[in-house]
Protein backbone atom coordinates (compact mmCIF):
# COMPACT_ATOMS: atom_id res chain seq x y z
CA MET A 1 57.79 53.67 -27.88
CA ARG A 2 57.39 54.68 -24.24
CA ILE A 3 54.62 57.08 -25.18
CA LEU A 4 52.70 54.31 -27.00
CA THR A 5 53.09 51.93 -24.05
CA SER A 6 51.95 54.63 -21.62
CA CYS A 7 48.87 55.36 -23.74
CA LEU A 8 47.91 51.65 -23.91
CA MET A 9 48.31 51.28 -20.15
CA ALA A 10 46.17 54.37 -19.54
CA LEU A 11 43.42 53.03 -21.82
CA THR A 12 43.48 49.64 -20.10
CA ILE A 13 43.28 51.17 -16.62
CA SER A 14 40.44 53.51 -17.62
CA ALA A 15 38.49 50.62 -19.19
CA VAL A 16 38.79 48.62 -15.96
CA ALA A 17 37.74 51.65 -13.91
CA LEU A 18 34.71 52.27 -16.14
CA ALA A 19 33.66 48.63 -15.94
CA GLN A 20 33.73 48.76 -12.14
CA ASP A 21 31.38 51.75 -12.06
CA GLU A 22 28.57 49.77 -13.69
CA THR A 23 26.11 48.32 -11.20
CA VAL A 24 24.06 45.27 -12.01
CA GLU A 25 20.84 44.95 -10.08
CA THR A 26 20.07 41.29 -9.42
CA ASP A 27 18.04 39.59 -6.79
CA PRO A 28 20.37 37.43 -4.63
CA SER A 29 17.74 34.69 -4.43
CA ASP A 30 17.91 34.34 -8.24
CA LEU A 31 21.60 33.55 -7.97
CA LEU A 32 20.91 30.88 -5.35
CA ARG A 33 18.14 29.22 -7.35
CA ARG A 34 20.16 29.03 -10.55
CA ASP A 35 22.17 26.02 -9.32
CA VAL A 36 19.39 24.25 -7.40
CA PRO A 37 17.73 21.34 -9.24
CA GLU A 38 13.96 21.59 -9.49
CA ALA A 39 13.54 18.51 -7.30
CA ASP A 40 15.17 20.32 -4.37
CA LEU A 41 12.83 23.33 -4.49
CA LEU A 42 9.84 23.57 -2.17
CA GLU A 43 6.43 22.94 -3.70
CA GLU A 44 5.55 26.65 -3.46
CA GLU A 45 8.66 27.51 -5.49
CA ARG A 46 8.24 24.95 -8.28
CA GLY A 47 4.45 24.69 -8.37
CA PRO A 48 2.27 21.64 -7.79
CA LEU A 49 3.20 18.26 -9.23
CA SER A 50 1.72 17.86 -12.69
CA SER A 51 1.08 14.13 -12.58
CA GLU A 52 -0.83 11.75 -10.37
CA PRO A 53 0.77 8.80 -8.57
CA GLY A 54 0.42 5.53 -10.41
CA SER A 55 -1.32 2.39 -9.22
CA VAL A 56 0.83 -0.22 -11.01
CA VAL A 57 4.61 -0.47 -11.36
CA VAL A 58 5.94 -2.33 -14.41
CA LEU A 59 9.26 -4.02 -13.64
CA ARG A 60 11.73 -6.15 -15.53
CA GLY A 61 13.56 -8.96 -13.80
CA LEU A 62 16.73 -10.69 -14.98
CA ASP A 63 17.79 -14.15 -13.87
CA LYS A 64 21.58 -13.97 -14.20
CA VAL A 65 21.97 -17.76 -14.20
CA THR A 66 19.70 -18.42 -17.18
CA ALA A 67 20.07 -14.93 -18.75
CA ARG A 68 16.29 -14.71 -19.13
CA THR A 69 14.24 -11.60 -18.49
CA ARG A 70 10.60 -11.35 -17.51
CA ASP A 71 8.39 -8.27 -17.29
CA PHE A 72 5.94 -8.25 -14.41
CA GLU A 73 3.56 -5.84 -12.73
CA VAL A 74 3.09 -4.99 -9.07
CA ARG A 75 0.11 -3.03 -7.79
CA ILE A 76 0.90 -0.35 -5.21
CA GLY A 77 0.70 -1.86 -1.72
CA GLU A 78 0.91 -5.43 -3.03
CA GLU A 79 3.66 -7.99 -3.63
CA ALA A 80 4.85 -10.03 -6.60
CA GLN A 81 7.25 -12.96 -6.81
CA PHE A 82 10.25 -13.06 -9.10
CA GLY A 83 12.35 -16.17 -8.56
CA ALA A 84 13.32 -16.24 -4.88
CA LEU A 85 12.53 -12.53 -4.51
CA THR A 86 9.39 -10.87 -3.20
CA VAL A 87 8.96 -7.37 -4.63
CA ARG A 88 6.67 -4.93 -2.79
CA ALA A 89 5.72 -1.65 -4.49
CA GLN A 90 4.99 1.30 -2.20
CA TYR A 91 4.75 4.26 -4.62
CA CYS A 92 5.32 5.21 -8.25
CA ARG A 93 5.00 8.29 -10.42
CA LYS A 94 5.60 9.10 -14.07
CA ARG A 95 6.18 12.62 -15.32
CA PRO A 96 3.77 13.91 -17.96
CA PRO A 97 4.89 14.00 -21.62
CA GLU A 98 5.53 17.76 -21.67
CA GLU A 99 8.23 17.42 -18.99
CA THR A 100 11.57 15.61 -19.04
CA PRO A 101 10.67 11.90 -19.08
CA GLU A 102 11.20 10.11 -15.79
CA THR A 103 9.54 7.22 -14.02
CA TYR A 104 10.39 6.38 -10.44
CA ALA A 105 9.15 3.96 -7.81
CA PHE A 106 9.74 3.15 -4.16
CA LEU A 107 10.29 -0.60 -3.85
CA GLN A 108 11.12 -3.11 -1.16
CA VAL A 109 12.72 -6.40 -2.18
CA ILE A 110 12.84 -9.42 0.14
CA ASP A 111 15.05 -12.45 -0.54
CA ARG A 112 13.17 -15.64 0.43
CA ARG A 113 15.82 -18.26 1.07
CA THR A 114 15.67 -21.85 2.19
CA ASP A 115 17.66 -23.32 5.05
CA GLY A 116 19.39 -25.90 2.84
CA PHE A 117 16.82 -28.59 3.56
CA GLY A 118 14.09 -27.01 1.44
CA VAL A 119 12.38 -25.30 4.36
CA ASP A 120 11.59 -21.62 3.87
CA VAL A 121 13.05 -19.29 6.45
CA GLU A 122 12.03 -15.70 7.09
CA GLY A 123 13.11 -13.50 4.20
CA GLU A 124 15.71 -10.77 4.44
CA THR A 125 15.05 -7.27 3.08
CA ILE A 126 17.86 -6.71 0.59
CA PHE A 127 16.58 -3.48 -0.97
CA SER A 128 14.36 -0.66 0.20
CA GLY A 129 14.50 2.58 -1.75
CA TRP A 130 13.83 4.54 -4.91
CA MET A 131 14.52 3.19 -8.39
CA PHE A 132 14.56 5.39 -11.49
CA ALA A 133 13.75 4.08 -14.97
CA SER A 134 16.19 6.43 -16.70
CA ARG A 135 19.07 5.61 -14.32
CA PRO A 136 18.80 1.99 -13.16
CA ALA A 137 22.43 1.93 -11.99
CA GLN A 138 21.98 4.93 -9.67
CA ASN A 139 20.36 2.88 -6.90
CA PRO A 140 20.45 -0.75 -8.02
CA LEU A 141 19.31 -3.97 -6.42
CA GLU A 142 22.47 -5.90 -5.55
CA HIS A 143 21.84 -9.63 -5.68
CA PRO A 144 24.08 -12.44 -7.00
CA VAL A 145 21.32 -14.14 -9.01
CA TYR A 146 18.65 -11.52 -9.83
CA ASP A 147 18.37 -7.96 -11.14
CA VAL A 148 15.15 -5.96 -11.03
CA TRP A 149 14.57 -2.51 -12.49
CA VAL A 150 11.67 -0.11 -13.19
CA LEU A 151 10.19 0.19 -16.68
CA ASP A 152 6.96 2.12 -16.24
CA CYS A 153 4.30 3.41 -13.86
CA ARG A 154 0.66 3.21 -14.91
CA THR A 155 -2.68 4.29 -13.55
CA ASP A 156 -5.50 1.78 -13.96
């Protein structure tokens, strides 16, 4: 029994020793890039963007009080009204069909309130940032009455 155990231990040790002698030639930069999302790579590393920026953002707004939704469009650089909100679109882009689908836009949302006597006061910027069509909850507009999210980006 001791002889069998000794032989098994010798085989195990020799297998480990042989495995350590093998050298694998890899480029260290390949190991670093394996875990980096494509969005974090420099343009030279991922290639040029394959789509053009859009000129119109298609949004959907929800009035939480009435539970009604309304789709509306905002041209880049212009504003649109949704309830008491002013939505300003700064940029949008939609990936081409051969890539993973994603539409994103940079929006600014201003809440136009009244002073209680029906007089408009200067609005307060309540959102300024990127919204993604596939992940609306990632960077949402937080407002007690309204929700707004991105549906599409078009070029006209």
